[in-house]
Amino acid sequence: MAWVKVPKEHHPLFAAALPKDKRITTMTMFGGIAAMVNGNLFAGLFARSIIVKLSPADRHEALALDGTAPFEPMAGRPSKDTLLLSESVMEDVAEMRAWIQRAFDHIAKLPAKRKKKS
């Protein structure tokens, strides 16, 4: 996928769609916002849409949607568990919130990541 800058107007939309949970932290990634729970990435902005890490069942459902594809930040290196949702998800706040919630629910079950020693 050719590099597409994250539109600035997507930042507040994404932030508002995040679940209200004290365990969530955010950071800048790919020129957008990425959200983590217990140090594990679950969603983020990329190009004109969002990426989400979903359970196998949710991935199967999401891949059936027009425009959704495995997340491939570098050509030939697709992610196994992260999807880039259709750009239309940015136009439907309820749908965006629902996918982000599914990703959060899935990733929140994982053990917390340990900080790497420097």
N, C-alpha and C. Protein backbone atom coordinates (compact mmCIF):
# COMPACT_ATOMS: atom_id res chain seq x y z
N MET A 1 0.84 -1.18 0.00
CA MET A 1 0.00 0.00 0.00
C MET A 1 0.88 1.24 0.00
N ALA A 2 0.57 2.18 -0.86
CA ALA A 2 1.31 3.44 -0.90
C ALA A 2 1.04 4.22 0.38
N TRP A 3 2.05 4.95 0.83
CA TRP A 3 1.92 5.71 2.07
C TRP A 3 0.88 6.81 1.90
N VAL A 4 -0.08 6.85 2.82
CA VAL A 4 -1.10 7.89 2.85
C VAL A 4 -1.09 8.48 4.26
N LYS A 5 -0.95 9.79 4.35
CA LYS A 5 -0.91 10.46 5.64
C LYS A 5 -2.27 10.38 6.33
N VAL A 6 -2.25 10.13 7.63
CA VAL A 6 -3.49 10.08 8.42
C VAL A 6 -4.08 11.48 8.47
N PRO A 7 -5.34 11.66 8.03
CA PRO A 7 -5.96 12.98 8.11
C PRO A 7 -6.10 13.43 9.56
N LYS A 8 -5.74 14.68 9.83
CA LYS A 8 -5.80 15.22 11.19
C LYS A 8 -7.19 15.13 11.79
N GLU A 9 -8.23 15.24 10.95
CA GLU A 9 -9.60 15.19 11.47
C GLU A 9 -9.98 13.79 11.98
N HIS A 10 -9.18 12.79 11.66
CA HIS A 10 -9.45 11.43 12.16
C HIS A 10 -9.01 11.26 13.61
N HIS A 11 -8.04 12.05 14.05
CA HIS A 11 -7.51 11.92 15.41
C HIS A 11 -8.61 12.05 16.47
N PRO A 12 -9.40 13.14 16.49
CA PRO A 12 -10.43 13.25 17.52
C PRO A 12 -11.54 12.20 17.38
N LEU A 13 -11.84 11.78 16.15
CA LEU A 13 -12.86 10.74 15.95
C LEU A 13 -12.42 9.43 16.58
N PHE A 14 -11.16 9.07 16.33
CA PHE A 14 -10.61 7.84 16.89
C PHE A 14 -10.56 7.92 18.41
N ALA A 15 -10.03 9.01 18.93
CA ALA A 15 -9.91 9.16 20.39
C ALA A 15 -11.27 9.06 21.07
N ALA A 16 -12.29 9.65 20.48
CA ALA A 16 -13.64 9.61 21.06
C ALA A 16 -14.25 8.21 20.99
N ALA A 17 -13.79 7.38 20.05
CA ALA A 17 -14.35 6.04 19.88
C ALA A 17 -13.71 5.01 20.81
N LEU A 18 -12.62 5.38 21.49
CA LEU A 18 -11.96 4.43 22.38
C LEU A 18 -12.83 4.14 23.60
N PRO A 19 -12.80 2.90 24.09
CA PRO A 19 -13.53 2.58 25.31
C PRO A 19 -13.03 3.43 26.48
N LYS A 20 -13.88 3.67 27.41
CA LYS A 20 -13.49 4.42 28.61
C LYS A 20 -12.95 3.42 29.63
N ASP A 21 -11.66 3.22 29.61
CA ASP A 21 -11.02 2.24 30.48
C ASP A 21 -9.65 2.79 30.89
N LYS A 22 -9.37 2.79 32.18
CA LYS A 22 -8.13 3.37 32.70
C LYS A 22 -6.88 2.63 32.24
N ARG A 23 -7.04 1.40 31.76
CA ARG A 23 -5.86 0.64 31.31
C ARG A 23 -5.38 1.06 29.93
N ILE A 24 -6.17 1.85 29.21
CA ILE A 24 -5.81 2.25 27.85
C ILE A 24 -4.80 3.39 27.87
N THR A 25 -3.76 3.21 27.05
CA THR A 25 -2.79 4.28 26.82
C THR A 25 -2.73 4.51 25.31
N THR A 26 -2.30 5.69 24.92
CA THR A 26 -2.15 5.99 23.51
C THR A 26 -0.75 6.49 23.23
N MET A 27 -0.36 6.36 21.97
CA MET A 27 0.93 6.85 21.53
C MET A 27 0.82 7.21 20.06
N THR A 28 1.79 7.94 19.56
CA THR A 28 1.82 8.28 18.14
C THR A 28 2.46 7.13 17.38
N MET A 29 1.80 6.73 16.28
CA MET A 29 2.32 5.65 15.45
C MET A 29 1.82 5.87 14.02
N PHE A 30 2.69 5.76 13.05
CA PHE A 30 2.34 5.94 11.63
C PHE A 30 1.70 7.31 11.38
N GLY A 31 2.05 8.31 12.18
CA GLY A 31 1.48 9.65 12.01
C GLY A 31 0.06 9.77 12.54
N GLY A 32 -0.39 8.78 13.26
CA GLY A 32 -1.72 8.80 13.85
C GLY A 32 -1.64 8.42 15.31
N ILE A 33 -2.74 7.95 15.84
CA ILE A 33 -2.82 7.53 17.24
C ILE A 33 -2.95 6.01 17.27
N ALA A 34 -2.23 5.38 18.20
CA ALA A 34 -2.38 3.95 18.45
C ALA A 34 -2.84 3.78 19.88
N ALA A 35 -3.71 2.80 20.11
CA ALA A 35 -4.24 2.55 21.45
C ALA A 35 -3.77 1.19 21.94
N MET A 36 -3.38 1.14 23.22
CA MET A 36 -2.90 -0.08 23.82
C MET A 36 -3.62 -0.34 25.13
N VAL A 37 -3.74 -1.60 25.46
CA VAL A 37 -4.25 -2.00 26.77
C VAL A 37 -3.19 -2.91 27.38
N ASN A 38 -2.77 -2.58 28.58
CA ASN A 38 -1.73 -3.34 29.26
C ASN A 38 -0.47 -3.49 28.41
N GLY A 39 -0.17 -2.47 27.60
CA GLY A 39 1.02 -2.47 26.77
C GLY A 39 0.88 -3.19 25.44
N ASN A 40 -0.30 -3.74 25.15
CA ASN A 40 -0.55 -4.47 23.91
C ASN A 40 -1.41 -3.63 22.97
N LEU A 41 -0.94 -3.44 21.76
CA LEU A 41 -1.68 -2.67 20.76
C LEU A 41 -2.99 -3.37 20.42
N PHE A 42 -4.10 -2.59 20.37
CA PHE A 42 -5.36 -3.18 19.93
C PHE A 42 -6.00 -2.42 18.78
N ALA A 43 -5.67 -1.15 18.59
CA ALA A 43 -6.26 -0.38 17.49
C ALA A 43 -5.40 0.85 17.22
N GLY A 44 -5.55 1.38 16.01
CA GLY A 44 -4.82 2.60 15.68
C GLY A 44 -5.26 3.17 14.35
N LEU A 45 -4.87 4.39 14.12
CA LEU A 45 -5.14 5.04 12.84
C LEU A 45 -4.05 4.65 11.85
N PHE A 46 -4.45 4.43 10.61
CA PHE A 46 -3.49 4.18 9.54
C PHE A 46 -4.13 4.64 8.24
N ALA A 47 -3.39 5.43 7.49
CA ALA A 47 -3.89 5.99 6.22
C ALA A 47 -5.23 6.68 6.48
N ARG A 48 -6.28 6.27 5.77
CA ARG A 48 -7.59 6.92 5.95
C ARG A 48 -8.57 6.05 6.74
N SER A 49 -8.02 5.11 7.53
CA SER A 49 -8.89 4.20 8.26
C SER A 49 -8.26 3.82 9.59
N ILE A 50 -8.70 2.67 10.12
CA ILE A 50 -8.15 2.18 11.38
C ILE A 50 -7.68 0.74 11.21
N ILE A 51 -6.71 0.40 12.05
CA ILE A 51 -6.27 -0.98 12.15
C ILE A 51 -6.79 -1.52 13.47
N VAL A 52 -7.12 -2.81 13.49
CA VAL A 52 -7.60 -3.45 14.71
C VAL A 52 -7.03 -4.86 14.79
N LYS A 53 -6.74 -5.30 16.02
CA LYS A 53 -6.31 -6.68 16.27
C LYS A 53 -7.53 -7.40 16.81
N LEU A 54 -7.99 -8.40 16.06
CA LEU A 54 -9.24 -9.06 16.39
C LEU A 54 -9.06 -10.56 16.66
N SER A 55 -10.04 -11.13 17.34
CA SER A 55 -10.07 -12.57 17.54
C SER A 55 -10.26 -13.24 16.17
N PRO A 56 -9.95 -14.52 16.06
CA PRO A 56 -10.14 -15.20 14.77
C PRO A 56 -11.57 -15.08 14.23
N ALA A 57 -12.58 -15.23 15.08
CA ALA A 57 -13.97 -15.14 14.62
C ALA A 57 -14.29 -13.73 14.13
N ASP A 58 -13.83 -12.72 14.87
CA ASP A 58 -14.09 -11.33 14.47
C ASP A 58 -13.31 -10.98 13.20
N ARG A 59 -12.09 -11.52 13.06
CA ARG A 59 -11.30 -11.29 11.83
C ARG A 59 -12.05 -11.84 10.62
N HIS A 60 -12.59 -13.03 10.77
CA HIS A 60 -13.34 -13.65 9.68
C HIS A 60 -14.53 -12.77 9.29
N GLU A 61 -15.25 -12.27 10.28
CA GLU A 61 -16.40 -11.40 10.01
C GLU A 61 -15.96 -10.10 9.35
N ALA A 62 -14.90 -9.50 9.84
CA ALA A 62 -14.43 -8.22 9.30
C ALA A 62 -13.92 -8.38 7.86
N LEU A 63 -13.26 -9.48 7.57
CA LEU A 63 -12.73 -9.69 6.22
C LEU A 63 -13.84 -9.85 5.18
N ALA A 64 -15.04 -10.15 5.63
CA ALA A 64 -16.18 -10.26 4.71
C ALA A 64 -16.69 -8.88 4.29
N LEU A 65 -16.24 -7.84 4.97
CA LEU A 65 -16.68 -6.48 4.64
C LEU A 65 -15.87 -5.93 3.48
N ASP A 66 -16.54 -5.28 2.56
CA ASP A 66 -15.88 -4.66 1.41
C ASP A 66 -14.80 -3.68 1.87
N GLY A 67 -13.62 -3.81 1.34
CA GLY A 67 -12.56 -2.86 1.62
C GLY A 67 -11.68 -3.21 2.81
N THR A 68 -12.01 -4.24 3.56
CA THR A 68 -11.18 -4.66 4.69
C THR A 68 -10.15 -5.66 4.20
N ALA A 69 -8.91 -5.53 4.71
CA ALA A 69 -7.82 -6.40 4.26
C ALA A 69 -6.82 -6.59 5.39
N PRO A 70 -6.00 -7.64 5.31
CA PRO A 70 -4.92 -7.77 6.29
C PRO A 70 -4.05 -6.52 6.26
N PHE A 71 -3.63 -6.08 7.42
CA PHE A 71 -2.77 -4.90 7.54
C PHE A 71 -1.39 -5.25 7.02
N GLU A 72 -0.92 -4.48 6.05
CA GLU A 72 0.38 -4.74 5.43
C GLU A 72 1.14 -3.42 5.35
N PRO A 73 1.78 -3.01 6.47
CA PRO A 73 2.48 -1.73 6.47
C PRO A 73 3.67 -1.68 5.53
N MET A 74 4.24 -2.86 5.23
CA MET A 74 5.34 -2.95 4.26
C MET A 74 4.95 -4.03 3.26
N ALA A 75 5.11 -3.74 1.99
CA ALA A 75 4.72 -4.68 0.94
C ALA A 75 5.31 -6.07 1.18
N GLY A 76 4.45 -7.07 1.08
CA GLY A 76 4.90 -8.44 1.24
C GLY A 76 5.02 -8.90 2.68
N ARG A 77 4.65 -8.05 3.63
CA ARG A 77 4.76 -8.42 5.04
C ARG A 77 3.44 -8.17 5.77
N PRO A 78 2.40 -8.96 5.41
CA PRO A 78 1.10 -8.76 6.08
C PRO A 78 1.13 -9.23 7.52
N SER A 79 0.35 -8.58 8.35
CA SER A 79 0.21 -8.98 9.74
C SER A 79 -0.71 -10.19 9.83
N LYS A 80 -0.46 -11.07 10.76
CA LYS A 80 -1.29 -12.27 10.92
C LYS A 80 -2.62 -11.95 11.60
N ASP A 81 -2.59 -11.00 12.51
CA ASP A 81 -3.78 -10.79 13.34
C ASP A 81 -4.33 -9.36 13.31
N THR A 82 -3.79 -8.50 12.46
CA THR A 82 -4.24 -7.12 12.40
C THR A 82 -4.85 -6.83 11.04
N LEU A 83 -5.99 -6.17 11.05
CA LEU A 83 -6.69 -5.83 9.81
C LEU A 83 -6.76 -4.32 9.64
N LEU A 84 -6.75 -3.90 8.38
CA LEU A 84 -7.02 -2.52 8.02
C LEU A 84 -8.47 -2.50 7.56
N LEU A 85 -9.33 -1.83 8.33
CA LEU A 85 -10.74 -1.79 7.99
C LEU A 85 -11.00 -0.85 6.81
N SER A 86 -12.13 -1.03 6.19
CA SER A 86 -12.55 -0.18 5.08
C SER A 86 -12.53 1.29 5.51
N GLU A 87 -12.19 2.17 4.59
CA GLU A 87 -12.18 3.60 4.90
C GLU A 87 -13.56 4.10 5.33
N SER A 88 -14.61 3.42 4.91
CA SER A 88 -15.98 3.84 5.26
C SER A 88 -16.24 3.79 6.76
N VAL A 89 -15.43 3.03 7.50
CA VAL A 89 -15.63 2.94 8.95
C VAL A 89 -15.43 4.30 9.62
N MET A 90 -14.64 5.18 9.02
CA MET A 90 -14.41 6.50 9.59
C MET A 90 -15.65 7.40 9.47
N GLU A 91 -16.57 7.01 8.61
CA GLU A 91 -17.79 7.80 8.41
C GLU A 91 -18.93 7.33 9.30
N ASP A 92 -18.75 6.21 10.00
CA ASP A 92 -19.79 5.65 10.85
C ASP A 92 -19.21 5.44 12.25
N VAL A 93 -19.42 6.43 13.11
CA VAL A 93 -18.81 6.40 14.45
C VAL A 93 -19.24 5.17 15.24
N ALA A 94 -20.49 4.77 15.12
CA ALA A 94 -20.98 3.60 15.86
C ALA A 94 -20.26 2.33 15.40
N GLU A 95 -20.07 2.20 14.10
CA GLU A 95 -19.37 1.02 13.57
C GLU A 95 -17.90 1.04 14.01
N MET A 96 -17.27 2.21 13.92
CA MET A 96 -15.87 2.32 14.34
C MET A 96 -15.75 1.95 15.82
N ARG A 97 -16.62 2.50 16.64
CA ARG A 97 -16.59 2.22 18.08
C ARG A 97 -16.78 0.71 18.33
N ALA A 98 -17.68 0.07 17.58
CA ALA A 98 -17.94 -1.36 17.78
C ALA A 98 -16.71 -2.21 17.45
N TRP A 99 -16.02 -1.90 16.34
CA TRP A 99 -14.81 -2.67 15.98
C TRP A 99 -13.69 -2.42 16.98
N ILE A 100 -13.54 -1.18 17.41
CA ILE A 100 -12.50 -0.87 18.41
C ILE A 100 -12.80 -1.61 19.71
N GLN A 101 -14.07 -1.66 20.09
CA GLN A 101 -14.45 -2.37 21.33
C GLN A 101 -14.15 -3.86 21.22
N ARG A 102 -14.42 -4.45 20.06
CA ARG A 102 -14.11 -5.87 19.86
C ARG A 102 -12.61 -6.11 19.99
N ALA A 103 -11.82 -5.22 19.39
CA ALA A 103 -10.37 -5.36 19.48
C ALA A 103 -9.90 -5.21 20.92
N PHE A 104 -10.44 -4.23 21.62
CA PHE A 104 -10.09 -4.02 23.03
C PHE A 104 -10.43 -5.27 23.85
N ASP A 105 -11.65 -5.78 23.69
CA ASP A 105 -12.09 -6.95 24.46
C ASP A 105 -11.17 -8.14 24.22
N HIS A 106 -10.74 -8.33 22.99
CA HIS A 106 -9.85 -9.45 22.64
C HIS A 106 -8.46 -9.26 23.25
N ILE A 107 -7.87 -8.11 23.05
CA ILE A 107 -6.49 -7.88 23.49
C ILE A 107 -6.39 -7.67 25.00
N ALA A 108 -7.44 -7.18 25.64
CA ALA A 108 -7.41 -6.97 27.09
C ALA A 108 -7.25 -8.28 27.85
N LYS A 109 -7.55 -9.40 27.21
CA LYS A 109 -7.41 -10.72 27.84
C LYS A 109 -5.95 -11.19 27.89
N LEU A 110 -5.10 -10.57 27.08
CA LEU A 110 -3.70 -10.97 27.04
C LEU A 110 -2.96 -10.50 28.28
N PRO A 111 -1.89 -11.20 28.65
CA PRO A 111 -1.09 -10.72 29.78
C PRO A 111 -0.42 -9.39 29.43
N ALA A 112 -0.17 -8.60 30.43
CA ALA A 112 0.49 -7.31 30.22
C ALA A 112 1.89 -7.54 29.67
N LYS A 113 2.29 -6.65 28.76
CA LYS A 113 3.65 -6.72 28.21
C LYS A 113 4.61 -6.20 29.25
N ARG A 114 5.73 -6.86 29.34
CA ARG A 114 6.78 -6.40 30.25
C ARG A 114 7.62 -5.36 29.53
N LYS A 115 8.04 -4.36 30.26
CA LYS A 115 8.90 -3.34 29.67
C LYS A 115 10.27 -3.93 29.43
N LYS A 116 10.84 -3.61 28.27
CA LYS A 116 12.18 -4.11 27.92
C LYS A 116 13.21 -3.34 28.74
N LYS A 117 14.22 -4.07 29.19
CA LYS A 117 15.32 -3.43 29.92
C LYS A 117 16.21 -2.73 28.91
N SER A 118 16.66 -1.53 29.29
CA SER A 118 17.52 -0.80 28.36
C SER A 118 18.97 -1.09 28.60
